[in-house]
């Protein structure tokens, strides 16, 4: 595929079939855990301060490349068209975490009460909270491209969202998990955000600045960044193999739970998209701003959610399993929403 074709496709081969790769890696991990248990046993010993070293390395591989894509200089342009940003911020931080908690609680504790034991319901809800408190910062670039979103505006949305995560993620997660009687030490939560947001964010910014200064912006965007296109996906898939090698027994004992966890996550994704998308329509924003505004809230920063779940509760925890199910349903649901957005461009004023 030449460069022009790749740009037109908007989504790589790995990304397009991410749900299939996720399912295959889940299966591979379960088989390894069942038939080669020495591997997860050995990997389980490689940890520091209750953080799995192999998983931490893989998560950095996932997060670091996308942090290099964020141009924080664009933050200075936030005042040029603030309505879309206000919709994004309000949806992501004042609505999404709390609707996720409410929907997940309703399904895990009420609708699925006879299907999910109370202790697992608590853990699954904790995983859903971690997903709900982490709006997307990477894949939204793909969804924006597929809906012909304004790329500069998408960058501003992502850049400001990353800054808000640094301050809002910890207290929101702490508050919602506290409601669910899940105790999370502040220091552990801050350490998780520092390891999996602050460090790669700084590293990505330094790398971006250095490469642009020494090689130029054109080289950085067209030659350097493409080298990392599949590293995030590969890191994610290898992480899944490791996690599911630890999770094998839980999954084999509760295979139905994968589908049960997926249901509230799918409902939440669709709900948040329509909240932001219809709000953008009500404020008469152009489609190329409305579509990314809906996508950034509907999609999740699942790399962060997985990382924090592992750091707080361990690789064998059902909390980590719930965040992984979020990865499983993300791509097909978001592609459906992309199709809907592309069919409703006439809802919005022309540029």
Protein backbone atom coordinates (compact mmCIF):
# COMPACT_ATOMS: atom_id res chain seq x y z
CA UNK A 1 0.00 0.00 0.00
CA UNK A 2 1.48 3.36 -1.00
CA UNK A 3 1.41 6.43 1.20
CA UNK A 4 -1.66 7.93 -0.45
CA UNK A 5 -3.63 4.69 -0.14
CA UNK A 6 -2.65 4.39 3.49
CA UNK A 7 -3.86 7.90 4.20
CA UNK A 8 -7.14 7.22 2.41
CA UNK A 9 -7.74 4.01 4.33
CA UNK A 10 -7.53 5.94 7.58
CA UNK A 11 -7.07 2.85 9.70
CA UNK A 12 -4.28 0.27 9.59
CA UNK A 13 -4.72 -3.45 9.02
CA UNK A 14 -4.01 -4.14 12.71
CA UNK A 15 -6.45 -1.44 13.87
CA UNK A 16 -9.22 -2.46 11.48
CA UNK A 17 -9.24 -6.04 12.76
CA UNK A 18 -8.22 -5.22 16.33
CA UNK A 19 -11.20 -7.09 17.81
CA UNK A 20 -10.09 -10.29 16.03
CA UNK A 21 -6.49 -9.94 17.24
CA UNK A 22 -7.74 -9.22 20.76
CA UNK A 23 -9.91 -12.34 20.72
CA UNK A 24 -7.04 -14.48 19.41
CA UNK A 25 -4.65 -13.16 22.05
CA UNK A 26 -7.23 -13.74 24.76
CA UNK A 27 -7.53 -17.34 23.60
CA UNK A 28 -3.76 -17.78 23.39
CA UNK A 29 -3.33 -16.42 26.90
CA UNK A 30 -5.99 -18.73 28.32
CA UNK A 31 -4.39 -21.76 26.63
CA UNK A 32 -0.95 -20.80 27.94
CA UNK A 33 -2.33 -20.42 31.46
CA UNK A 34 -4.03 -23.81 31.29
CA UNK A 35 -1.41 -25.93 29.51
CA UNK A 36 1.86 -24.08 30.25
CA UNK A 37 1.26 -22.63 33.75
CA UNK A 38 5.01 -22.26 34.33
CA UNK A 39 5.02 -19.19 32.06
CA UNK A 40 2.53 -17.04 34.03
CA UNK A 41 4.11 -18.30 37.26
CA UNK A 42 7.52 -17.05 36.13
CA UNK A 43 6.16 -13.75 34.84
CA UNK A 44 4.23 -13.25 38.07
CA UNK A 45 7.51 -13.15 39.99
CA UNK A 46 8.84 -10.28 37.89
CA UNK A 47 7.29 -7.35 39.72
CA UNK A 48 8.29 -4.31 41.72
CA UNK A 49 6.03 -2.49 44.19
CA UNK A 50 3.17 -4.77 43.03
CA UNK A 51 3.63 -3.60 39.43
CA UNK A 52 4.37 -6.31 36.86
CA UNK A 53 7.61 -5.32 35.12
CA UNK A 54 6.86 -7.14 31.81
CA UNK A 55 3.37 -5.63 31.65
CA UNK A 56 4.66 -2.17 32.58
CA UNK A 57 7.20 -2.29 29.73
CA UNK A 58 4.53 -3.35 27.26
CA UNK A 59 2.14 -0.64 28.44
CA UNK A 60 4.85 1.98 27.96
CA UNK A 61 5.23 0.65 24.42
CA UNK A 62 1.50 1.21 23.94
CA UNK A 63 1.33 4.71 25.37
CA UNK A 64 4.66 6.32 24.39
CA UNK A 65 4.13 6.42 20.58
CA UNK A 66 0.74 8.11 20.86
CA UNK A 67 2.08 10.68 23.32
CA UNK A 68 4.58 11.75 20.64
CA UNK A 69 1.62 12.66 18.40
CA UNK A 70 0.25 15.26 20.82
CA UNK A 71 1.22 18.83 19.91
CA UNK A 72 0.73 20.84 23.09
CA UNK A 73 1.48 24.07 21.24
CA UNK A 74 -2.04 23.74 19.87
CA UNK A 75 -3.45 24.42 23.36
CA UNK A 76 -2.88 28.15 22.74
CA UNK A 77 -5.63 27.98 20.08
CA UNK A 78 -8.36 26.73 22.43
CA UNK A 79 -10.19 30.07 22.43
CA UNK A 80 -10.80 30.16 18.69
CA UNK A 81 -13.89 27.90 18.78
CA UNK A 82 -14.65 27.07 22.42
CA UNK A 83 -18.13 25.52 22.05
CA UNK A 84 -16.80 22.17 20.81
CA UNK A 85 -14.21 22.07 23.58
CA UNK A 86 -16.80 22.81 26.25
CA UNK A 87 -18.93 19.95 24.92
CA UNK A 88 -15.93 17.63 25.00
CA UNK A 89 -14.85 18.63 28.51
CA UNK A 90 -18.34 18.48 30.03
CA UNK A 91 -19.15 15.15 28.39
CA UNK A 92 -15.81 13.56 29.28
CA UNK A 93 -15.46 14.71 32.86
CA UNK A 94 -18.86 15.72 34.24
CA UNK A 95 -21.04 13.12 32.53
CA UNK A 96 -19.13 10.08 31.26
CA UNK A 97 -17.55 8.73 34.50
CA UNK A 98 -20.85 8.96 36.37
CA UNK A 99 -23.06 7.46 33.66
CA UNK A 100 -20.55 4.62 33.36
CA UNK A 101 -20.81 4.00 37.10
CA UNK A 102 -24.61 4.16 37.01
CA UNK A 103 -25.08 1.91 33.96
CA UNK A 104 -22.50 -0.65 35.13
CA UNK A 105 -23.98 -0.70 38.66
CA UNK A 106 -27.48 -1.24 37.25
CA UNK A 107 -26.41 -4.21 35.15
CA UNK A 108 -23.93 -5.87 37.52
CA UNK A 109 -25.92 -5.45 40.72
CA UNK A 110 -29.55 -5.50 39.50
CA UNK A 111 -30.11 -6.91 36.01
CA UNK A 112 -27.33 -9.54 36.24
CA UNK A 113 -27.73 -10.09 39.98
CA UNK A 114 -28.45 -13.82 39.59
CA UNK A 115 -25.67 -14.31 37.04
CA UNK A 116 -22.73 -12.48 38.66
CA UNK A 117 -21.68 -13.05 42.30
CA UNK A 118 -21.53 -9.90 44.42
CA UNK A 119 -17.73 -10.00 44.83
CA UNK A 120 -17.18 -10.21 41.07
CA UNK A 121 -19.80 -7.52 40.45
CA UNK A 122 -17.78 -5.15 42.63
CA UNK A 123 -14.60 -5.91 40.68
CA UNK A 124 -16.27 -5.59 37.28
CA UNK A 125 -17.76 -2.26 38.32
CA UNK A 126 -14.30 -1.05 39.37
CA UNK A 127 -12.97 -1.95 35.91
CA UNK A 128 -15.84 -0.10 34.25
CA UNK A 129 -15.11 2.98 36.39
CA UNK A 130 -11.48 2.98 35.25
CA UNK A 131 -12.64 2.91 31.62
CA UNK A 132 -15.24 5.62 32.18
CA UNK A 133 -12.73 7.97 33.78
CA UNK A 134 -10.25 7.65 30.89
CA UNK A 135 -11.58 9.26 27.67
CA UNK A 136 -9.67 8.51 24.49
CA UNK A 137 -6.38 10.18 23.57
CA UNK A 138 -5.08 8.01 20.72
CA UNK A 139 -7.62 6.15 18.59
CA UNK A 140 -9.70 9.35 18.37
CA UNK A 141 -7.22 10.48 15.70
CA UNK A 142 -8.33 7.47 13.63
CA UNK A 143 -12.05 8.04 14.25
CA UNK A 144 -11.65 11.75 13.45
CA UNK A 145 -9.90 10.94 10.17
CA UNK A 146 -12.60 8.45 9.15
CA UNK A 147 -15.32 11.06 9.76
CA UNK A 148 -13.33 13.80 7.96
CA UNK A 149 -12.95 15.65 11.23
CA UNK A 150 -10.90 18.83 11.52
CA UNK A 151 -7.41 17.45 12.34
CA UNK A 152 -6.18 20.65 14.01
CA UNK A 153 -9.26 20.79 16.21
CA UNK A 154 -8.90 17.11 17.10
CA UNK A 155 -5.34 17.78 18.23
CA UNK A 156 -6.56 20.58 20.51
CA UNK A 157 -9.22 18.30 21.97
CA UNK A 158 -6.69 15.55 22.67
CA UNK A 159 -4.04 17.92 24.03
CA UNK A 160 -6.41 19.57 26.52
CA UNK A 161 -7.88 16.19 27.42
CA UNK A 162 -4.41 14.87 28.30
CA UNK A 163 -3.82 17.86 30.55
CA UNK A 164 -7.17 17.35 32.32
CA UNK A 165 -6.38 13.64 32.87
CA UNK A 166 -3.37 14.64 34.95
CA UNK A 167 -5.59 16.42 37.47
CA UNK A 168 -9.06 14.85 37.20
CA UNK A 169 -8.48 11.11 36.71
CA UNK A 170 -7.25 10.33 40.22
CA UNK A 171 -9.96 12.12 42.28
CA UNK A 172 -12.79 10.86 40.04
CA UNK A 173 -11.61 7.24 40.24
CA UNK A 174 -11.01 7.53 43.97
CA UNK A 175 -14.50 8.96 44.54
CA UNK A 176 -16.40 6.44 42.41
CA UNK A 177 -14.49 3.42 43.70
CA UNK A 178 -15.12 4.68 47.22
CA UNK A 179 -18.86 4.65 46.56
CA UNK A 180 -18.46 0.99 45.59
CA UNK A 181 -16.53 0.28 48.83
CA UNK A 182 -13.32 -0.42 46.93
CA UNK A 183 -10.38 1.00 48.88
CA UNK A 184 -7.62 2.47 46.72
CA UNK A 185 -4.58 4.10 48.35
CA UNK A 186 -3.98 7.60 47.04
CA UNK A 187 -0.25 6.98 46.68
CA UNK A 188 -0.79 3.89 44.53
CA UNK A 189 -3.25 5.71 42.27
CA UNK A 190 -0.95 8.71 41.86
CA UNK A 191 1.98 6.38 41.18
CA UNK A 192 -0.03 4.66 38.45
CA UNK A 193 -0.88 7.96 36.75
CA UNK A 194 2.73 9.10 37.09
CA UNK A 195 4.08 5.89 35.56
CA UNK A 196 1.58 5.52 32.76
CA UNK A 197 0.65 9.12 31.92
CA UNK A 198 3.18 11.65 33.19
CA UNK A 199 6.39 9.77 32.32
CA UNK A 200 5.37 8.79 28.74
CA UNK A 201 3.78 12.22 28.25
CA UNK A 202 7.04 13.97 29.13
CA UNK A 203 9.07 11.43 27.18
CA UNK A 204 6.85 11.85 24.12
CA UNK A 205 7.04 15.65 24.31
CA UNK A 206 10.84 15.58 24.66
CA UNK A 207 11.23 13.15 21.76
CA UNK A 208 8.86 15.18 19.59
CA UNK A 209 10.68 18.43 20.35
CA UNK A 210 14.11 16.92 19.77
CA UNK A 211 13.20 15.27 16.46
CA UNK A 212 11.48 18.37 15.07
CA UNK A 213 14.42 20.55 16.13
CA UNK A 214 17.07 18.27 14.62
CA UNK A 215 15.26 16.72 11.64
CA UNK A 216 12.35 19.03 10.94
CA UNK A 217 8.59 18.64 11.34
CA UNK A 218 8.10 17.00 7.95
CA UNK A 219 10.61 14.24 8.77
CA UNK A 220 9.07 13.75 12.20
CA UNK A 221 5.50 13.36 10.90
CA UNK A 222 6.13 11.52 7.63
CA UNK A 223 9.16 9.35 8.44
CA UNK A 224 9.76 9.04 12.19
CA UNK A 225 6.20 8.62 13.53
CA UNK A 226 5.15 5.98 10.96
CA UNK A 227 7.90 3.71 12.32
CA UNK A 228 5.81 3.36 15.49
CA UNK A 229 2.45 2.76 13.76
CA UNK A 230 2.02 -0.83 14.90
CA UNK A 231 4.05 -0.75 18.11
CA UNK A 232 1.07 0.37 20.20
CA UNK A 233 -1.11 -2.45 18.85
CA UNK A 234 1.64 -5.06 19.24
CA UNK A 235 2.27 -3.92 22.82
CA UNK A 236 -1.45 -4.18 23.53
CA UNK A 237 -1.74 -7.68 22.07
CA UNK A 238 1.28 -9.00 23.97
CA UNK A 239 -0.12 -7.47 27.14
CA UNK A 240 -3.38 -9.32 26.55
CA UNK A 241 -1.56 -12.63 26.17
CA UNK A 242 0.16 -12.10 29.52
CA UNK A 243 -2.96 -10.89 31.33
CA UNK A 244 -5.14 -13.70 30.02
CA UNK A 245 -2.53 -16.28 30.93
CA UNK A 246 -3.09 -15.04 34.50
CA UNK A 247 -6.87 -14.73 34.00
CA UNK A 248 -7.38 -18.17 32.47
CA UNK A 249 -8.99 -19.83 35.49
CA UNK A 250 -11.36 -16.93 36.14
CA UNK A 251 -12.49 -16.90 32.51
CA UNK A 252 -12.90 -20.67 32.24
CA UNK A 253 -14.91 -20.64 35.45
CA UNK A 254 -17.08 -17.72 34.22
CA UNK A 255 -17.13 -17.70 30.37
CA UNK A 256 -20.54 -16.02 30.28
CA UNK A 257 -19.14 -13.01 32.13
CA UNK A 258 -17.24 -11.71 29.09
CA UNK A 259 -20.54 -11.07 27.30
CA UNK A 260 -22.21 -9.75 30.44
CA UNK A 261 -19.44 -7.19 31.01
CA UNK A 262 -19.60 -6.10 27.36
CA UNK A 263 -23.30 -5.14 27.45
CA UNK A 264 -23.12 -2.08 29.78
CA UNK A 265 -19.86 -0.98 28.16
CA UNK A 266 -21.49 -0.95 24.71
CA UNK A 267 -24.55 0.93 25.99
CA UNK A 268 -22.31 3.50 27.68
CA UNK A 269 -20.26 4.02 24.51
CA UNK A 270 -23.32 4.68 22.35
CA UNK A 271 -24.94 6.92 24.98
CA UNK A 272 -21.89 9.17 25.40
CA UNK A 273 -21.45 9.51 21.65
CA UNK A 274 -25.02 10.73 21.19
CA UNK A 275 -24.81 13.11 24.16
CA UNK A 276 -21.82 14.92 22.65
CA UNK A 277 -22.91 14.56 19.01
CA UNK A 278 -26.42 15.89 19.57
CA UNK A 279 -25.12 18.68 21.82
CA UNK A 280 -22.82 19.75 18.98
CA UNK A 281 -25.81 19.75 16.63
CA UNK A 282 -27.83 21.83 19.09
CA UNK A 283 -25.03 24.41 19.23
CA UNK A 284 -24.88 24.41 15.40
CA UNK A 285 -21.25 23.30 15.18
CA UNK A 286 -19.90 22.03 11.85
CA UNK A 287 -19.76 18.28 11.33
CA UNK A 288 -15.96 18.21 11.24
CA UNK A 289 -15.96 19.42 14.87
CA UNK A 290 -19.06 17.55 16.07
CA UNK A 291 -17.85 14.11 14.97
CA UNK A 292 -14.51 14.21 16.84
CA UNK A 293 -16.30 15.67 19.88
CA UNK A 294 -18.57 12.64 19.96
CA UNK A 295 -15.78 10.16 19.29
CA UNK A 296 -13.34 11.33 21.98
CA UNK A 297 -15.87 10.75 24.75
CA UNK A 298 -17.31 7.52 23.37
CA UNK A 299 -13.88 5.95 22.93
CA UNK A 300 -11.70 5.06 25.92
CA UNK A 301 -8.05 5.50 26.86
CA UNK A 302 -8.04 1.77 27.49
CA UNK A 303 -4.24 1.63 27.73
CA UNK A 304 -4.40 3.77 30.87
CA UNK A 305 -7.38 1.86 32.27
CA UNK A 306 -5.59 -1.47 31.81
CA UNK A 307 -2.38 -0.10 33.32
CA UNK A 308 -4.07 1.31 36.41
CA UNK A 309 -6.18 -1.83 36.89
CA UNK A 310 -3.04 -3.96 36.87
CA UNK A 311 -1.11 -1.61 39.15
CA UNK A 312 -3.95 -1.34 41.68
CA UNK A 313 -5.46 -4.81 41.63
CA UNK A 314 -2.96 -7.10 39.88
CA UNK A 315 -2.87 -8.98 36.60
CA UNK A 316 -5.09 -11.78 37.91
CA UNK A 317 -7.84 -9.45 39.13
CA UNK A 318 -11.33 -9.45 37.55
CA UNK A 319 -10.90 -5.65 37.49
CA UNK A 320 -8.20 -6.03 34.83
CA UNK A 321 -10.46 -8.47 32.99
CA UNK A 322 -13.25 -5.88 32.81
CA UNK A 323 -10.91 -3.28 31.29
CA UNK A 324 -9.76 -5.83 28.70
CA UNK A 325 -13.36 -6.47 27.66
CA UNK A 326 -13.48 -2.73 26.99
CA UNK A 327 -10.69 -3.23 24.46
CA UNK A 328 -12.58 -6.13 22.87
CA UNK A 329 -15.76 -4.13 22.16
CA UNK A 330 -14.14 -0.78 21.40
CA UNK A 331 -13.26 -1.07 17.71
CA UNK A 332 -16.44 -2.64 16.27
CA UNK A 333 -18.71 -0.28 18.23
CA UNK A 334 -16.69 2.80 17.26
CA UNK A 335 -16.68 1.78 13.59
CA UNK A 336 -20.49 1.58 13.73
CA UNK A 337 -20.61 5.08 15.21
CA UNK A 338 -18.22 6.33 12.54
CA UNK A 339 -20.60 4.99 9.90
CA UNK A 340 -23.55 6.70 11.59
CA UNK A 341 -21.67 10.03 11.79
CA UNK A 342 -20.80 9.82 8.10
CA UNK A 343 -24.45 9.22 7.19
CA UNK A 344 -25.67 12.24 9.15
CA UNK A 345 -23.44 15.01 7.85
CA UNK A 346 -26.55 16.83 6.61
CA UNK A 347 -27.57 17.37 10.25
CA UNK A 348 -24.91 20.05 10.52
CA UNK A 349 -24.20 23.33 8.86
CA UNK A 350 -21.87 23.29 5.89
CA UNK A 351 -18.30 24.52 6.33
